[in-house]
Amino acid sequence: MTVLVLSGIVVLAVGGCVCVVWAARGGPRWVRTAATTTSADGESARRAGSKDRSPSRSSDDYLDLSSI
């Protein structure tokens, strides 16, 4: 049963990614709606995940090798 649920989640995630790509190329309205929903869900998950972690290093902490 767990495998079935996880498979369904993967199918929905892949379908959402397909809709995002299709909408970027000018798909129909329902594809743009699905893409917007997928992007919003992804952003929510990213924000929820970042609250659980310790603060990350800032970009100033890294060595800039572009001038070498």
N, C-alpha and C. Protein backbone atom coordinates (compact mmCIF):
# COMPACT_ATOMS: atom_id res chain seq x y z
N MET A 1 0.83 -1.19 0.00
CA MET A 1 0.00 0.00 0.00
C MET A 1 0.87 1.26 0.00
N THR A 2 1.96 1.22 0.76
CA THR A 2 2.86 2.36 0.82
C THR A 2 3.49 2.63 -0.54
N VAL A 3 3.86 1.57 -1.22
CA VAL A 3 4.46 1.73 -2.55
C VAL A 3 3.46 2.37 -3.50
N LEU A 4 2.21 2.02 -3.40
CA LEU A 4 1.18 2.60 -4.25
C LEU A 4 1.03 4.09 -3.99
N VAL A 5 1.02 4.48 -2.74
CA VAL A 5 0.89 5.90 -2.39
C VAL A 5 2.10 6.68 -2.87
N LEU A 6 3.29 6.15 -2.62
CA LEU A 6 4.50 6.85 -3.07
C LEU A 6 4.58 6.92 -4.60
N SER A 7 4.13 5.88 -5.26
CA SER A 7 4.09 5.90 -6.73
C SER A 7 3.14 6.98 -7.24
N GLY A 8 2.01 7.13 -6.58
CA GLY A 8 1.06 8.18 -6.95
C GLY A 8 1.64 9.57 -6.77
N ILE A 9 2.40 9.76 -5.68
CA ILE A 9 3.03 11.05 -5.43
C ILE A 9 4.07 11.35 -6.51
N VAL A 10 4.84 10.34 -6.88
CA VAL A 10 5.86 10.53 -7.93
C VAL A 10 5.20 10.86 -9.26
N VAL A 11 4.11 10.17 -9.58
CA VAL A 11 3.40 10.44 -10.84
C VAL A 11 2.86 11.88 -10.85
N LEU A 12 2.32 12.34 -9.73
CA LEU A 12 1.82 13.71 -9.66
C LEU A 12 2.95 14.72 -9.80
N ALA A 13 4.09 14.45 -9.18
CA ALA A 13 5.23 15.36 -9.26
C ALA A 13 5.76 15.44 -10.69
N VAL A 14 5.90 14.30 -11.34
CA VAL A 14 6.39 14.29 -12.72
C VAL A 14 5.38 14.99 -13.64
N GLY A 15 4.11 14.72 -13.44
CA GLY A 15 3.08 15.39 -14.23
C GLY A 15 3.11 16.90 -14.04
N GLY A 16 3.36 17.34 -12.81
CA GLY A 16 3.47 18.78 -12.54
C GLY A 16 4.65 19.39 -13.25
N CYS A 17 5.77 18.67 -13.24
CA CYS A 17 6.97 19.18 -13.95
C CYS A 17 6.72 19.27 -15.45
N VAL A 18 6.02 18.29 -16.00
CA VAL A 18 5.69 18.33 -17.43
C VAL A 18 4.80 19.53 -17.72
N CYS A 19 3.86 19.80 -16.84
CA CYS A 19 2.98 20.96 -17.03
C CYS A 19 3.74 22.27 -16.97
N VAL A 20 4.74 22.36 -16.08
CA VAL A 20 5.54 23.59 -15.99
C VAL A 20 6.29 23.84 -17.30
N VAL A 21 6.89 22.78 -17.85
CA VAL A 21 7.62 22.93 -19.11
C VAL A 21 6.67 23.28 -20.25
N TRP A 22 5.53 22.59 -20.31
CA TRP A 22 4.56 22.82 -21.37
C TRP A 22 4.00 24.24 -21.28
N ALA A 23 3.72 24.70 -20.05
CA ALA A 23 3.18 26.05 -19.88
C ALA A 23 4.20 27.10 -20.29
N ALA A 24 5.48 26.83 -20.07
CA ALA A 24 6.53 27.78 -20.48
C ALA A 24 6.57 27.91 -21.99
N ARG A 25 6.11 26.88 -22.69
CA ARG A 25 6.08 26.92 -24.15
C ARG A 25 4.72 27.35 -24.70
N GLY A 26 3.82 27.79 -23.80
CA GLY A 26 2.55 28.34 -24.25
C GLY A 26 1.43 27.32 -24.33
N GLY A 27 1.32 26.45 -23.37
CA GLY A 27 0.27 25.44 -23.37
C GLY A 27 -1.11 26.02 -23.08
N PRO A 28 -2.13 25.17 -23.08
CA PRO A 28 -3.49 25.63 -22.80
C PRO A 28 -3.66 26.13 -21.36
N ARG A 29 -4.80 26.72 -21.09
CA ARG A 29 -5.05 27.34 -19.79
C ARG A 29 -4.95 26.34 -18.65
N TRP A 30 -5.47 25.12 -18.81
CA TRP A 30 -5.42 24.16 -17.71
C TRP A 30 -3.99 23.75 -17.39
N VAL A 31 -3.11 23.77 -18.40
CA VAL A 31 -1.70 23.46 -18.16
C VAL A 31 -1.04 24.59 -17.39
N ARG A 32 -1.37 25.83 -17.72
CA ARG A 32 -0.81 26.96 -16.99
C ARG A 32 -1.29 26.97 -15.54
N THR A 33 -2.55 26.57 -15.32
CA THR A 33 -3.07 26.48 -13.96
C THR A 33 -2.34 25.40 -13.17
N ALA A 34 -2.16 24.24 -13.79
CA ALA A 34 -1.43 23.15 -13.12
C ALA A 34 0.01 23.54 -12.86
N ALA A 35 0.63 24.27 -13.77
CA ALA A 35 2.01 24.72 -13.60
C ALA A 35 2.12 25.72 -12.45
N THR A 36 1.16 26.62 -12.35
CA THR A 36 1.16 27.59 -11.26
C THR A 36 1.00 26.89 -9.92
N THR A 37 0.11 25.91 -9.87
CA THR A 37 -0.09 25.15 -8.65
C THR A 37 1.16 24.37 -8.27
N THR A 38 1.79 23.74 -9.24
CA THR A 38 3.01 22.98 -8.99
C THR A 38 4.12 23.89 -8.49
N SER A 39 4.27 25.04 -9.10
CA SER A 39 5.31 25.98 -8.67
C SER A 39 5.04 26.50 -7.26
N ALA A 40 3.79 26.79 -6.96
CA ALA A 40 3.45 27.26 -5.62
C ALA A 40 3.68 26.17 -4.57
N ASP A 41 3.33 24.93 -4.91
CA ASP A 41 3.57 23.82 -3.98
C ASP A 41 5.06 23.61 -3.75
N GLY A 42 5.84 23.73 -4.80
CA GLY A 42 7.29 23.59 -4.67
C GLY A 42 7.90 24.69 -3.81
N GLU A 43 7.42 25.90 -3.99
CA GLU A 43 7.91 27.01 -3.18
C GLU A 43 7.53 26.84 -1.72
N SER A 44 6.32 26.35 -1.46
CA SER A 44 5.90 26.08 -0.08
C SER A 44 6.76 25.00 0.56
N ALA A 45 7.05 23.96 -0.19
CA ALA A 45 7.90 22.89 0.33
C ALA A 45 9.31 23.40 0.61
N ARG A 46 9.81 24.25 -0.26
CA ARG A 46 11.16 24.80 -0.07
C ARG A 46 11.20 25.66 1.19
N ARG A 47 10.18 26.49 1.39
CA ARG A 47 10.16 27.33 2.59
C ARG A 47 10.01 26.51 3.85
N ALA A 48 9.19 25.48 3.80
CA ALA A 48 9.01 24.63 4.97
C ALA A 48 10.30 23.88 5.29
N GLY A 49 11.01 23.45 4.27
CA GLY A 49 12.27 22.75 4.48
C GLY A 49 13.36 23.65 5.01
N SER A 50 13.36 24.91 4.60
CA SER A 50 14.40 25.82 5.04
C SER A 50 14.20 26.24 6.49
N LYS A 51 13.00 26.18 7.01
CA LYS A 51 12.75 26.51 8.41
C LYS A 51 13.27 25.42 9.34
N ASP A 52 13.32 24.18 8.84
CA ASP A 52 13.76 23.07 9.66
C ASP A 52 15.27 22.99 9.77
N ARG A 53 15.98 23.61 8.88
CA ARG A 53 17.44 23.52 8.86
C ARG A 53 18.06 24.70 9.58
N SER A 54 19.30 24.52 9.95
CA SER A 54 20.05 25.63 10.54
C SER A 54 20.37 26.63 9.44
N PRO A 55 20.66 27.85 9.81
CA PRO A 55 20.96 28.85 8.79
C PRO A 55 22.15 28.42 7.94
N SER A 56 22.00 28.60 6.65
CA SER A 56 23.07 28.20 5.74
C SER A 56 24.11 29.30 5.66
N ARG A 57 25.23 28.94 5.11
CA ARG A 57 26.31 29.92 4.95
C ARG A 57 25.91 30.93 3.89
N SER A 58 26.31 32.16 4.10
CA SER A 58 26.00 33.18 3.10
C SER A 58 26.97 33.05 1.94
N SER A 59 26.65 33.72 0.86
CA SER A 59 27.52 33.66 -0.31
C SER A 59 28.86 34.33 -0.04
N ASP A 60 28.94 35.19 0.97
CA ASP A 60 30.19 35.86 1.32
C ASP A 60 31.20 34.90 1.95
N ASP A 61 30.73 33.76 2.45
CA ASP A 61 31.60 32.79 3.10
C ASP A 61 32.37 31.95 2.11
N TYR A 62 32.02 32.00 0.86
CA TYR A 62 32.66 31.17 -0.15
C TYR A 62 33.76 31.93 -0.87
N LEU A 63 34.76 31.23 -1.30
CA LEU A 63 35.88 31.82 -2.03
C LEU A 63 35.45 32.15 -3.45
N ASP A 64 35.67 33.37 -3.86
CA ASP A 64 35.32 33.79 -5.21
C ASP A 64 36.49 33.50 -6.14
N LEU A 65 36.31 32.54 -7.03
CA LEU A 65 37.38 32.16 -7.95
C LEU A 65 37.24 32.80 -9.32
N SER A 66 36.27 33.68 -9.48
CA SER A 66 36.05 34.28 -10.80
C SER A 66 37.15 35.25 -11.20
N SER A 67 37.89 35.79 -10.24
CA SER A 67 38.94 36.76 -10.57
C SER A 67 40.30 36.10 -10.82
N ILE A 68 40.35 34.79 -10.69
CA ILE A 68 41.63 34.08 -10.88
C ILE A 68 41.86 33.79 -12.34
